[in-house]
Amino acid sequence: RGCSTAEQLLSDAVKLDPTLVGAWNALGECFWHSGELEAARGCFVGALAHRRNCETLCHLSMLLRAISSSSAGSESLLSESLELAKEAVRCDARSSRAWATLGNAQLSAHGRAPADEQAECLHLAN
């Protein structure tokens, strides 16, 4: 998809200036699109190490949900995804992307809850 050149240039950019959060995010997206989910995760974590920001928090939250659908230990990934989405909303409460990410994280976490936990949540809601 033309990401190999972009990957190389973005890798060079973050090596020269590791504080370029936008470059970390773009590199993470390139890895994600090419199916290298752990490499993408490393990029988003690298970006957050330099600056906690709404965009990166949303990316990482979405990525963790994608990883959880195909791996063991999905409950902890979904829990982490939800916490990151909450932080994204706290960072920028006006961001529709942050709110959408939070809603999707909530749905994912609820959809994977054990049956007895789901029943308790439904009972408490009524």
Foldseek 3Di string as FASTA:
>chain_A
DPCPVLLVVLVVVCVVPVQPLVSLQVNLVSCVVVPNLVSSLVSLVSNVVNPLALVSLLVNLVSLCVVLVPDPPSLVSLVSSLVSLVVSCVRPVPDPSSVVSNVVSVVSNLVPDPPVVNVVVVVVVD
